[in-house]
Amino acid sequence: MNSAPHVLVIDGTSDTEAVLKAVLEPRGTLVERARGVAARQRHDNDCPHIVVIDLDEDSGGATAACYGESHRVLIGSVRTSLNSGDRFLAKPFQYPELLKTIEDLLSLPPAA
């Protein structure tokens, strides 16, 4: 098992992935981007430390439900019900706000 922190961006823009990679990967955090169903299938046996999910995408809500065991950052135009430990960012969000949220979650132990 890889001990490096892992952030998975689901259905986000490629800009989000690029910003997170530029800031987090030099610090030793793996950043990947995947889309909807492919993300759920690809990561069935690999639980990322943090999942960043765009709730406004067609499969956003269903995808979020599949990652209850990870810390989740949910991004959307309408606030949704959150599990304890989830973070919500309203659109339009700012990248410094997203990075601060992820850094806060990286300081926590992996979700159970």
PDB file of N, CA and C in Angstrom:
ATOM      1  N   MET A   1       0.842  -1.187   0.000  1.00  0.00           N
ATOM      2  CA  MET A   1       0.000   0.000   0.000  1.00  0.00           C
ATOM      3  C   MET A   1       0.883   1.246   0.000  1.00  0.00           C
ATOM      4  N   ASN A   2       0.503   2.208  -0.776  1.00  0.00           N
ATOM      5  CA  ASN A   2       1.247   3.451  -0.866  1.00  0.00           C
ATOM      6  C   ASN A   2       0.879   4.332   0.322  1.00  0.00           C
ATOM      7  N   SER A   3       1.881   4.850   1.043  1.00  0.00           N
ATOM      8  CA  SER A   3       1.605   5.658   2.222  1.00  0.00           C
ATOM      9  C   SER A   3       1.497   7.150   1.905  1.00  0.00           C
ATOM     10  N   ALA A   4       1.794   7.555   0.669  1.00  0.00           N
ATOM     11  CA  ALA A   4       1.672   8.962   0.287  1.00  0.00           C
ATOM     12  C   ALA A   4       0.201   9.365   0.281  1.00  0.00           C
ATOM     13  N   PRO A   5      -0.110  10.561   0.776  1.00  0.00           N
ATOM     14  CA  PRO A   5      -1.498  11.026   0.704  1.00  0.00           C
ATOM     15  C   PRO A   5      -1.972  11.052  -0.751  1.00  0.00           C
ATOM     16  N   HIS A   6      -3.244  10.784  -0.940  1.00  0.00           N
ATOM     17  CA  HIS A   6      -3.821  10.653  -2.280  1.00  0.00           C
ATOM     18  C   HIS A   6      -5.082  11.510  -2.344  1.00  0.00           C
ATOM     19  N   VAL A   7      -5.121  12.435  -3.304  1.00  0.00           N
ATOM     20  CA  VAL A   7      -6.297  13.277  -3.538  1.00  0.00           C
ATOM     21  C   VAL A   7      -6.855  12.914  -4.911  1.00  0.00           C
ATOM     22  N   LEU A   8      -8.130  12.568  -4.941  1.00  0.00           N
ATOM     23  CA  LEU A   8      -8.815  12.225  -6.178  1.00  0.00           C
ATOM     24  C   LEU A   8      -9.827  13.314  -6.498  1.00  0.00           C
ATOM     25  N   VAL A   9      -9.731  13.898  -7.692  1.00  0.00           N
ATOM     26  CA  VAL A   9     -10.666  14.920  -8.162  1.00  0.00           C
ATOM     27  C   VAL A   9     -11.621  14.242  -9.128  1.00  0.00           C
ATOM     28  N   ILE A  10     -12.918  14.278  -8.810  1.00  0.00           N
ATOM     29  CA  ILE A  10     -13.908  13.599  -9.644  1.00  0.00           C
ATOM     30  C   ILE A  10     -14.799  14.617 -10.326  1.00  0.00           C
ATOM     31  N   ASP A  11     -14.853  14.506 -11.651  1.00  0.00           N
ATOM     32  CA  ASP A  11     -15.709  15.350 -12.480  1.00  0.00           C
ATOM     33  C   ASP A  11     -15.408  16.838 -12.331  1.00  0.00           C
ATOM     34  N   GLY A  12     -14.222  17.157 -11.868  1.00  0.00           N
ATOM     35  CA  GLY A  12     -13.816  18.554 -11.793  1.00  0.00           C
ATOM     36  C   GLY A  12     -13.203  18.988 -13.096  1.00  0.00           C
ATOM     37  N   THR A  13     -12.891  20.238 -13.190  1.00  0.00           N
ATOM     38  CA  THR A  13     -12.253  20.732 -14.411  1.00  0.00           C
ATOM     39  C   THR A  13     -10.775  20.355 -14.409  1.00  0.00           C
ATOM     40  N   SER A  14     -10.204  20.352 -15.580  1.00  0.00           N
ATOM     41  CA  SER A  14      -8.776  20.056 -15.659  1.00  0.00           C
ATOM     42  C   SER A  14      -7.969  21.164 -14.977  1.00  0.00           C
ATOM     43  N   ASP A  15      -8.519  22.381 -14.887  1.00  0.00           N
ATOM     44  CA  ASP A  15      -7.838  23.461 -14.169  1.00  0.00           C
ATOM     45  C   ASP A  15      -7.694  23.123 -12.688  1.00  0.00           C
ATOM     46  N   THR A  16      -8.732  22.537 -12.104  1.00  0.00           N
ATOM     47  CA  THR A  16      -8.672  22.154 -10.691  1.00  0.00           C
ATOM     48  C   THR A  16      -7.568  21.132 -10.484  1.00  0.00           C
ATOM     49  N   GLU A  17      -7.528  20.133 -11.338  1.00  0.00           N
ATOM     50  CA  GLU A  17      -6.480  19.122 -11.239  1.00  0.00           C
ATOM     51  C   GLU A  17      -5.098  19.766 -11.382  1.00  0.00           C
ATOM     52  N   ALA A  18      -4.936  20.640 -12.346  1.00  0.00           N
ATOM     53  CA  ALA A  18      -3.633  21.266 -12.593  1.00  0.00           C
ATOM     54  C   ALA A  18      -3.164  22.095 -11.399  1.00  0.00           C
ATOM     55  N   VAL A  19      -4.062  22.867 -10.805  1.00  0.00           N
ATOM     56  CA  VAL A  19      -3.707  23.681  -9.641  1.00  0.00           C
ATOM     57  C   VAL A  19      -3.317  22.785  -8.469  1.00  0.00           C
ATOM     58  N   LEU A  20      -4.121  21.752  -8.204  1.00  0.00           N
ATOM     59  CA  LEU A  20      -3.820  20.857  -7.086  1.00  0.00           C
ATOM     60  C   LEU A  20      -2.507  20.124  -7.304  1.00  0.00           C
ATOM     61  N   LYS A  21      -2.264  19.668  -8.525  1.00  0.00           N
ATOM     62  CA  LYS A  21      -0.992  18.995  -8.821  1.00  0.00           C
ATOM     63  C   LYS A  21       0.187  19.944  -8.608  1.00  0.00           C
ATOM     64  N   ALA A  22       0.065  21.159  -9.094  1.00  0.00           N
ATOM     65  CA  ALA A  22       1.166  22.123  -9.002  1.00  0.00           C
ATOM     66  C   ALA A  22       1.530  22.429  -7.548  1.00  0.00           C
ATOM     67  N   VAL A  23       0.532  22.474  -6.676  1.00  0.00           N
ATOM     68  CA  VAL A  23       0.789  22.837  -5.281  1.00  0.00           C
ATOM     69  C   VAL A  23       1.077  21.614  -4.415  1.00  0.00           C
ATOM     70  N   LEU A  24       0.302  20.533  -4.588  1.00  0.00           N
ATOM     71  CA  LEU A  24       0.381  19.396  -3.664  1.00  0.00           C
ATOM     72  C   LEU A  24       1.421  18.343  -4.034  1.00  0.00           C
ATOM     73  N   GLU A  25       1.628  18.085  -5.325  1.00  0.00           N
ATOM     74  CA  GLU A  25       2.561  17.020  -5.692  1.00  0.00           C
ATOM     75  C   GLU A  25       3.998  17.304  -5.263  1.00  0.00           C
ATOM     76  N   PRO A  26       4.491  18.544  -5.323  1.00  0.00           N
ATOM     77  CA  PRO A  26       5.846  18.784  -4.812  1.00  0.00           C
ATOM     78  C   PRO A  26       5.976  18.497  -3.304  1.00  0.00           C
ATOM     79  N   ARG A  27       4.853  18.461  -2.607  1.00  0.00           N
ATOM     80  CA  ARG A  27       4.837  18.161  -1.170  1.00  0.00           C
ATOM     81  C   ARG A  27       4.627  16.670  -0.894  1.00  0.00           C
ATOM     82  N   GLY A  28       4.583  15.858  -1.963  1.00  0.00           N
ATOM     83  CA  GLY A  28       4.462  14.417  -1.790  1.00  0.00           C
ATOM     84  C   GLY A  28       3.053  13.858  -1.824  1.00  0.00           C
ATOM     85  N   THR A  29       2.076  14.647  -2.244  1.00  0.00           N
ATOM     86  CA  THR A  29       0.693  14.189  -2.332  1.00  0.00           C
ATOM     87  C   THR A  29       0.364  13.842  -3.774  1.00  0.00           C
ATOM     88  N   LEU A  30      -0.125  12.629  -4.003  1.00  0.00           N
ATOM     89  CA  LEU A  30      -0.552  12.194  -5.332  1.00  0.00           C
ATOM     90  C   LEU A  30      -1.901  12.827  -5.646  1.00  0.00           C
ATOM     91  N   VAL A  31      -2.029  13.429  -6.824  1.00  0.00           N
ATOM     92  CA  VAL A  31      -3.288  14.032  -7.264  1.00  0.00           C
ATOM     93  C   VAL A  31      -3.681  13.373  -8.578  1.00  0.00           C
ATOM     94  N   GLU A  32      -4.920  12.858  -8.638  1.00  0.00           N
ATOM     95  CA  GLU A  32      -5.454  12.244  -9.854  1.00  0.00           C
ATOM     96  C   GLU A  32      -6.820  12.832 -10.152  1.00  0.00           C
ATOM     97  N   ARG A  33      -7.236  12.737 -11.399  1.00  0.00           N
ATOM     98  CA  ARG A  33      -8.577  13.159 -11.810  1.00  0.00           C
ATOM     99  C   ARG A  33      -9.240  12.006 -12.536  1.00  0.00           C
ATOM    100  N   ALA A  34     -10.508  11.783 -12.246  1.00  0.00           N
ATOM    101  CA  ALA A  34     -11.275  10.723 -12.905  1.00  0.00           C
ATOM    102  C   ALA A  34     -12.699  11.225 -13.111  1.00  0.00           C
ATOM    103  N   ARG A  35     -13.429  10.520 -13.951  1.00  0.00           N
ATOM    104  CA  ARG A  35     -14.808  10.893 -14.249  1.00  0.00           C
ATOM    105  C   ARG A  35     -15.771   9.838 -13.732  1.00  0.00           C
ATOM    106  N   GLY A  36     -16.855  10.247 -13.092  1.00  0.00           N
ATOM    107  CA  GLY A  36     -17.990   9.466 -12.641  1.00  0.00           C
ATOM    108  C   GLY A  36     -17.818   7.985 -12.386  1.00  0.00           C
ATOM    109  N   VAL A  37     -18.488   7.169 -13.201  1.00  0.00           N
ATOM    110  CA  VAL A  37     -18.499   5.718 -13.028  1.00  0.00           C
ATOM    111  C   VAL A  37     -17.095   5.150 -13.127  1.00  0.00           C
ATOM    112  N   ALA A  38     -16.288   5.663 -14.026  1.00  0.00           N
ATOM    113  CA  ALA A  38     -14.907   5.182 -14.163  1.00  0.00           C
ATOM    114  C   ALA A  38     -14.140   5.410 -12.870  1.00  0.00           C
ATOM    115  N   ALA A  39     -14.407   6.512 -12.197  1.00  0.00           N
ATOM    116  CA  ALA A  39     -13.730   6.790 -10.929  1.00  0.00           C
ATOM    117  C   ALA A  39     -14.130   5.767  -9.879  1.00  0.00           C
ATOM    118  N   ARG A  40     -15.402   5.435  -9.813  1.00  0.00           N
ATOM    119  CA  ARG A  40     -15.860   4.466  -8.814  1.00  0.00           C
ATOM    120  C   ARG A  40     -15.282   3.094  -9.088  1.00  0.00           C
ATOM    121  N   GLN A  41     -15.238   2.675 -10.340  1.00  0.00           N
ATOM    122  CA  GLN A  41     -14.707   1.353 -10.678  1.00  0.00           C
ATOM    123  C   GLN A  41     -13.209   1.296 -10.466  1.00  0.00           C
ATOM    124  N   ARG A  42     -12.503   2.338 -10.854  1.00  0.00           N
ATOM    125  CA  ARG A  42     -11.056   2.344 -10.773  1.00  0.00           C
ATOM    126  C   ARG A  42     -10.548   2.350  -9.343  1.00  0.00           C
ATOM    127  N   HIS A  43     -11.311   2.904  -8.439  1.00  0.00           N
ATOM    128  CA  HIS A  43     -10.840   3.072  -7.076  1.00  0.00           C
ATOM    129  C   HIS A  43     -11.608   2.214  -6.067  1.00  0.00           C
ATOM    130  N   ASP A  44     -12.224   1.123  -6.517  1.00  0.00           N
ATOM    131  CA  ASP A  44     -12.941   0.247  -5.590  1.00  0.00           C
ATOM    132  C   ASP A  44     -12.042  -0.276  -4.491  1.00  0.00           C
ATOM    133  N   ASN A  45     -10.790  -0.606  -4.808  1.00  0.00           N
ATOM    134  CA  ASN A  45      -9.877  -1.175  -3.822  1.00  0.00           C
ATOM    135  C   ASN A  45      -8.852  -0.165  -3.337  1.00  0.00           C
ATOM    136  N   ASP A  46      -8.942   1.064  -3.754  1.00  0.00           N
ATOM    137  CA  ASP A  46      -7.978   2.092  -3.400  1.00  0.00           C
ATOM    138  C   ASP A  46      -8.740   3.279  -2.834  1.00  0.00           C
ATOM    139  N   CYS A  47      -8.685   3.449  -1.533  1.00  0.00           N
ATOM    140  CA  CYS A  47      -9.433   4.514  -0.876  1.00  0.00           C
ATOM    141  C   CYS A  47      -8.565   5.766  -0.761  1.00  0.00           C
ATOM    142  N   PRO A  48      -8.844   6.796  -1.558  1.00  0.00           N
ATOM    143  CA  PRO A  48      -8.050   8.020  -1.458  1.00  0.00           C
ATOM    144  C   PRO A  48      -8.248   8.700  -0.110  1.00  0.00           C
ATOM    145  N   HIS A  49      -7.257   9.433   0.334  1.00  0.00           N
ATOM    146  CA  HIS A  49      -7.358  10.177   1.590  1.00  0.00           C
ATOM    147  C   HIS A  49      -8.460  11.236   1.474  1.00  0.00           C
ATOM    148  N   ILE A  50      -8.455  11.943   0.331  1.00  0.00           N
ATOM    149  CA  ILE A  50      -9.426  13.019   0.093  1.00  0.00           C
ATOM    150  C   ILE A  50     -10.003  12.882  -1.309  1.00  0.00           C
ATOM    151  N   VAL A  51     -11.313  13.062  -1.411  1.00  0.00           N
ATOM    152  CA  VAL A  51     -11.984  13.067  -2.701  1.00  0.00           C
ATOM    153  C   VAL A  51     -12.647  14.431  -2.870  1.00  0.00           C
ATOM    154  N   VAL A  52     -12.342  15.095  -3.980  1.00  0.00           N
ATOM    155  CA  VAL A  52     -12.950  16.381  -4.324  1.00  0.00           C
ATOM    156  C   VAL A  52     -13.980  16.086  -5.405  1.00  0.00           C
ATOM    157  N   ILE A  53     -15.255  16.387  -5.117  1.00  0.00           N
ATOM    158  CA  ILE A  53     -16.340  15.986  -6.012  1.00  0.00           C
ATOM    159  C   ILE A  53     -17.167  17.198  -6.439  1.00  0.00           C
ATOM    160  N   ASP A  54     -17.356  17.342  -7.746  1.00  0.00           N
ATOM    161  CA  ASP A  54     -18.216  18.383  -8.302  1.00  0.00           C
ATOM    162  C   ASP A  54     -19.643  17.848  -8.294  1.00  0.00           C
ATOM    163  N   LEU A  55     -20.454  18.346  -7.379  1.00  0.00           N
ATOM    164  CA  LEU A  55     -21.835  17.856  -7.244  1.00  0.00           C
ATOM    165  C   LEU A  55     -22.738  18.282  -8.384  1.00  0.00           C
ATOM    166  N   ASP A  56     -22.344  19.272  -9.160  1.00  0.00           N
ATOM    167  CA  ASP A  56     -23.186  19.750 -10.248  1.00  0.00           C
ATOM    168  C   ASP A  56     -23.077  18.901 -11.507  1.00  0.00           C
ATOM    169  N   GLU A  57     -22.148  17.974 -11.539  1.00  0.00           N
ATOM    170  CA  GLU A  57     -22.050  17.033 -12.652  1.00  0.00           C
ATOM    171  C   GLU A  57     -23.196  16.020 -12.534  1.00  0.00           C
ATOM    172  N   ASP A  58     -23.557  15.370 -13.632  1.00  0.00           N
ATOM    173  CA  ASP A  58     -24.692  14.444 -13.643  1.00  0.00           C
ATOM    174  C   ASP A  58     -24.594  13.361 -12.579  1.00  0.00           C
ATOM    175  N   SER A  59     -23.423  12.804 -12.388  1.00  0.00           N
ATOM    176  CA  SER A  59     -23.278  11.682 -11.449  1.00  0.00           C
ATOM    177  C   SER A  59     -22.667  12.109 -10.120  1.00  0.00           C
ATOM    178  N   GLY A  60     -22.600  13.404  -9.851  1.00  0.00           N
ATOM    179  CA  GLY A  60     -21.924  13.897  -8.655  1.00  0.00           C
ATOM    180  C   GLY A  60     -22.450  13.336  -7.351  1.00  0.00           C
ATOM    181  N   GLY A  61     -23.761  13.334  -7.160  1.00  0.00           N
ATOM    182  CA  GLY A  61     -24.344  12.839  -5.915  1.00  0.00           C
ATOM    183  C   GLY A  61     -24.102  11.360  -5.698  1.00  0.00           C
ATOM    184  N   ALA A  62     -24.290  10.566  -6.744  1.00  0.00           N
ATOM    185  CA  ALA A  62     -24.064   9.116  -6.637  1.00  0.00           C
ATOM    186  C   ALA A  62     -22.593   8.818  -6.393  1.00  0.00           C
ATOM    187  N   THR A  63     -21.731   9.557  -7.036  1.00  0.00           N
ATOM    188  CA  THR A  63     -20.299   9.361  -6.841  1.00  0.00           C
ATOM    189  C   THR A  63     -19.910   9.711  -5.415  1.00  0.00           C
ATOM    190  N   ALA A  64     -20.435  10.787  -4.875  1.00  0.00           N
ATOM    191  CA  ALA A  64     -20.123  11.188  -3.500  1.00  0.00           C
ATOM    192  C   ALA A  64     -20.486  10.090  -2.513  1.00  0.00           C
ATOM    193  N   ALA A  65     -21.626   9.437  -2.739  1.00  0.00           N
ATOM    194  CA  ALA A  65     -22.068   8.376  -1.838  1.00  0.00           C
ATOM    195  C   ALA A  65     -21.095   7.204  -1.805  1.00  0.00           C
ATOM    196  N   CYS A  66     -20.361   6.989  -2.872  1.00  0.00           N
ATOM    197  CA  CYS A  66     -19.423   5.865  -2.956  1.00  0.00           C
ATOM    198  C   CYS A  66     -18.133   6.114  -2.186  1.00  0.00           C
ATOM    199  N   TYR A  67     -17.894   7.325  -1.763  1.00  0.00           N
ATOM    200  CA  TYR A  67     -16.637   7.660  -1.107  1.00  0.00           C
ATOM    201  C   TYR A  67     -16.832   8.106   0.334  1.00  0.00           C
ATOM    202  N   GLY A  68     -17.787   7.506   1.020  1.00  0.00           N
ATOM    203  CA  GLY A  68     -18.038   7.837   2.414  1.00  0.00           C
ATOM    204  C   GLY A  68     -16.880   7.506   3.323  1.00  0.00           C
ATOM    205  N   GLU A  69     -15.975   6.620   2.878  1.00  0.00           N
ATOM    206  CA  GLU A  69     -14.844   6.227   3.706  1.00  0.00           C
ATOM    207  C   GLU A  69     -13.653   7.174   3.542  1.00  0.00           C
ATOM    208  N   SER A  70     -13.729   8.132   2.644  1.00  0.00           N
ATOM    209  CA  SER A  70     -12.683   9.125   2.437  1.00  0.00           C
ATOM    210  C   SER A  70     -13.147  10.470   2.977  1.00  0.00           C
ATOM    211  N   HIS A  71     -12.190  11.348   3.299  1.00  0.00           N
ATOM    212  CA  HIS A  71     -12.562  12.733   3.559  1.00  0.00           C
ATOM    213  C   HIS A  71     -13.064  13.290   2.231  1.00  0.00           C
ATOM    214  N   ARG A  72     -14.150  14.072   2.267  1.00  0.00           N
ATOM    215  CA  ARG A  72     -14.735  14.561   1.031  1.00  0.00           C
ATOM    216  C   ARG A  72     -14.851  16.073   1.037  1.00  0.00           C
ATOM    217  N   VAL A  73     -14.497  16.666  -0.097  1.00  0.00           N
ATOM    218  CA  VAL A  73     -14.737  18.085  -0.344  1.00  0.00           C
ATOM    219  C   VAL A  73     -15.772  18.124  -1.457  1.00  0.00           C
ATOM    220  N   LEU A  74     -16.946  18.601  -1.125  1.00  0.00           N
ATOM    221  CA  LEU A  74     -18.054  18.643  -2.079  1.00  0.00           C
ATOM    222  C   LEU A  74     -18.203  20.074  -2.582  1.00  0.00           C
ATOM    223  N   ILE A  75     -18.199  20.222  -3.908  1.00  0.00           N
ATOM    224  CA  ILE A  75     -18.280  21.541  -4.529  1.00  0.00           C
ATOM    225  C   ILE A  75     -19.569  21.600  -5.343  1.00  0.00           C
ATOM    226  N   GLY A  76     -20.379  22.627  -5.108  1.00  0.00           N
ATOM    227  CA  GLY A  76     -21.630  22.722  -5.847  1.00  0.00           C
ATOM    228  C   GLY A  76     -22.263  24.086  -5.759  1.00  0.00           C
ATOM    229  N   SER A  77     -23.301  24.267  -6.545  1.00  0.00           N
ATOM    230  CA  SER A  77     -24.018  25.533  -6.533  1.00  0.00           C
ATOM    231  C   SER A  77     -25.136  25.537  -5.490  1.00  0.00           C
ATOM    232  N   VAL A  78     -25.517  24.353  -5.005  1.00  0.00           N
ATOM    233  CA  VAL A  78     -26.531  24.229  -3.971  1.00  0.00           C
ATOM    234  C   VAL A  78     -25.984  23.337  -2.867  1.00  0.00           C
ATOM    235  N   ARG A  79     -26.071  23.807  -1.638  1.00  0.00           N
ATOM    236  CA  ARG A  79     -25.557  23.035  -0.511  1.00  0.00           C
ATOM    237  C   ARG A  79     -26.375  21.759  -0.356  1.00  0.00           C
ATOM    238  N   THR A  80     -25.683  20.675  -0.075  1.00  0.00           N
ATOM    239  CA  THR A  80     -26.318  19.375   0.080  1.00  0.00           C
ATOM    240  C   THR A  80     -26.113  18.879   1.499  1.00  0.00           C
ATOM    241  N   SER A  81     -26.784  17.794   1.864  1.00  0.00           N
ATOM    242  CA  SER A  81     -26.557  17.231   3.190  1.00  0.00           C
ATOM    243  C   SER A  81     -25.142  16.653   3.227  1.00  0.00           C
ATOM    244  N   LEU A  82     -24.496  16.844   4.349  1.00  0.00           N
ATOM    245  CA  LEU A  82     -23.112  16.423   4.487  1.00  0.00           C
ATOM    246  C   LEU A  82     -22.987  15.368   5.571  1.00  0.00           C
ATOM    247  N   ASN A  83     -22.043  14.466   5.378  1.00  0.00           N
ATOM    248  CA  ASN A  83     -21.662  13.555   6.454  1.00  0.00           C
ATOM    249  C   ASN A  83     -20.741  14.322   7.387  1.00  0.00           C
ATOM    250  N   SER A  84     -20.604  13.829   8.612  1.00  0.00           N
ATOM    251  CA  SER A  84     -19.668  14.498   9.512  1.00  0.00           C
ATOM    252  C   SER A  84     -18.274  14.426   8.897  1.00  0.00           C
ATOM    253  N   GLY A  85     -17.568  15.511   8.933  1.00  0.00           N
ATOM    254  CA  GLY A  85     -16.236  15.550   8.348  1.00  0.00           C
ATOM    255  C   GLY A  85     -16.195  16.013   6.917  1.00  0.00           C
ATOM    256  N   ASP A  86     -17.329  16.018   6.211  1.00  0.00           N
ATOM    257  CA  ASP A  86     -17.354  16.541   4.844  1.00  0.00           C
ATOM    258  C   ASP A  86     -17.181  18.051   4.885  1.00  0.00           C
ATOM    259  N   ARG A  87     -16.605  18.579   3.834  1.00  0.00           N
ATOM    260  CA  ARG A  87     -16.495  20.026   3.678  1.00  0.00           C
ATOM    261  C   ARG A  87     -17.234  20.404   2.408  1.00  0.00           C
ATOM    262  N   PHE A  88     -17.908  21.539   2.435  1.00  0.00           N
ATOM    263  CA  PHE A  88     -18.650  22.017   1.275  1.00  0.00           C
ATOM    264  C   PHE A  88     -18.106  23.371   0.842  1.00  0.00           C
ATOM    265  N   LEU A  89     -17.866  23.521  -0.449  1.00  0.00           N
ATOM    266  CA  LEU A  89     -17.477  24.802  -1.030  1.00  0.00           C
ATOM    267  C   LEU A  89     -18.529  25.187  -2.063  1.00  0.00           C
ATOM    268  N   ALA A  90     -19.056  26.389  -1.917  1.00  0.00           N
ATOM    269  CA  ALA A  90     -20.060  26.876  -2.864  1.00  0.00           C
ATOM    270  C   ALA A  90     -19.382  27.408  -4.117  1.00  0.00           C
ATOM    271  N   LYS A  91     -20.015  27.141  -5.263  1.00  0.00           N
ATOM    272  CA  LYS A  91     -19.544  27.711  -6.527  1.00  0.00           C
ATOM    273  C   LYS A  91     -20.039  29.139  -6.630  1.00  0.00           C
ATOM    274  N   PRO A  92     -19.268  30.025  -7.172  1.00  0.00           N
ATOM    275  CA  PRO A  92     -17.897  29.825  -7.624  1.00  0.00           C
ATOM    276  C   PRO A  92     -16.955  29.827  -6.426  1.00  0.00           C
ATOM    277  N   PHE A  93     -16.035  28.897  -6.401  1.00  0.00           N
ATOM    278  CA  PHE A  93     -15.070  28.822  -5.306  1.00  0.00           C
ATOM    279  C   PHE A  93     -13.728  29.378  -5.785  1.00  0.00           C
ATOM    280  N   GLN A  94     -12.881  29.671  -4.844  1.00  0.00           N
ATOM    281  CA  GLN A  94     -11.540  30.162  -5.147  1.00  0.00           C
ATOM    282  C   GLN A  94     -10.533  29.058  -4.846  1.00  0.00           C
ATOM    283  N   TYR A  95      -9.507  28.927  -5.661  1.00  0.00           N
ATOM    284  CA  TYR A  95      -8.515  27.870  -5.442  1.00  0.00           C
ATOM    285  C   TYR A  95      -7.816  27.964  -4.087  1.00  0.00           C
ATOM    286  N   PRO A  96      -7.484  29.157  -3.582  1.00  0.00           N
ATOM    287  CA  PRO A  96      -6.876  29.187  -2.242  1.00  0.00           C
ATOM    288  C   PRO A  96      -7.790  28.578  -1.172  1.00  0.00           C
ATOM    289  N   GLU A  97      -9.094  28.785  -1.312  1.00  0.00           N
ATOM    290  CA  GLU A  97     -10.066  28.206  -0.378  1.00  0.00           C
ATOM    291  C   GLU A  97     -10.061  26.679  -0.481  1.00  0.00           C
ATOM    292  N   LEU A  98     -10.018  26.143  -1.702  1.00  0.00           N
ATOM    293  CA  LEU A  98      -9.966  24.698  -1.902  1.00  0.00           C
ATOM    294  C   LEU A  98      -8.665  24.126  -1.348  1.00  0.00           C
ATOM    295  N   LEU A  99      -7.546  24.771  -1.628  1.00  0.00           N
ATOM    296  CA  LEU A  99      -6.257  24.293  -1.128  1.00  0.00           C
ATOM    297  C   LEU A  99      -6.201  24.296   0.392  1.00  0.00           C
ATOM    298  N   LYS A 100      -6.718  25.339   1.024  1.00  0.00           N
ATOM    299  CA  LYS A 100      -6.743  25.407   2.497  1.00  0.00           C
ATOM    300  C   LYS A 100      -7.585  24.263   3.064  1.00  0.00           C
ATOM    301  N   THR A 101      -8.715  23.993   2.454  1.00  0.00           N
ATOM    302  CA  THR A 101      -9.587  22.905   2.899  1.00  0.00           C
ATOM    303  C   THR A 101      -8.876  21.565   2.774  1.00  0.00           C
ATOM    304  N   ILE A 102      -8.230  21.329   1.652  1.00  0.00           N
ATOM    305  CA  ILE A 102      -7.509  20.070   1.445  1.00  0.00           C
ATOM    306  C   ILE A 102      -6.340  19.951   2.428  1.00  0.00           C
ATOM    307  N   GLU A 103      -5.595  21.017   2.618  1.00  0.00           N
ATOM    308  CA  GLU A 103      -4.485  20.977   3.567  1.00  0.00           C
ATOM    309  C   GLU A 103      -4.970  20.671   4.980  1.00  0.00           C
ATOM    310  N   ASP A 104      -6.116  21.241   5.372  1.00  0.00           N
ATOM    311  CA  ASP A 104      -6.694  20.940   6.682  1.00  0.00           C
ATOM    312  C   ASP A 104      -7.033  19.456   6.791  1.00  0.00           C
ATOM    313  N   LEU A 105      -7.637  18.908   5.739  1.00  0.00           N
ATOM    314  CA  LEU A 105      -8.017  17.485   5.753  1.00  0.00           C
ATOM    315  C   LEU A 105      -6.796  16.562   5.703  1.00  0.00           C
ATOM    316  N   LEU A 106      -5.741  16.988   5.024  1.00  0.00           N
ATOM    317  CA  LEU A 106      -4.527  16.170   4.979  1.00  0.00           C
ATOM    318  C   LEU A 106      -3.864  16.058   6.348  1.00  0.00           C
ATOM    319  N   SER A 107      -4.128  17.010   7.210  1.00  0.00           N
ATOM    320  CA  SER A 107      -3.545  16.965   8.550  1.00  0.00           C
ATOM    321  C   SER A 107      -4.284  15.986   9.475  1.00  0.00           C
ATOM    322  N   LEU A 108      -5.454  15.520   9.029  1.00  0.00           N
ATOM    323  CA  LEU A 108      -6.253  14.566   9.804  1.00  0.00           C
ATOM    324  C   LEU A 108      -5.865  13.130   9.444  1.00  0.00           C
ATOM    325  N   PRO A 109      -6.094  12.195  10.368  1.00  0.00           N
ATOM    326  CA  PRO A 109      -5.880  10.793   9.991  1.00  0.00           C
ATOM    327  C   PRO A 109      -6.896  10.391   8.912  1.00  0.00           C
ATOM    328  N   PRO A 110      -6.597   9.363   8.112  1.00  0.00           N
ATOM    329  CA  PRO A 110      -7.566   8.913   7.104  1.00  0.00           C
ATOM    330  C   PRO A 110      -8.918   8.627   7.747  1.00  0.00           C
ATOM    331  N   ALA A 111      -9.980   8.901   6.996  1.00  0.00           N
ATOM    332  CA  ALA A 111     -11.336   8.627   7.487  1.00  0.00           C
ATOM    333  C   ALA A 111     -11.495   7.130   7.665  1.00  0.00           C
ATOM    334  N   ALA A 112     -12.343   6.757   8.598  1.00  0.00           N
ATOM    335  CA  ALA A 112     -12.565   5.331   8.865  1.00  0.00           C
ATOM    336  C   ALA A 112     -13.660   4.767   8.011  1.00  0.00           C
TER     337      ALA A 112
END
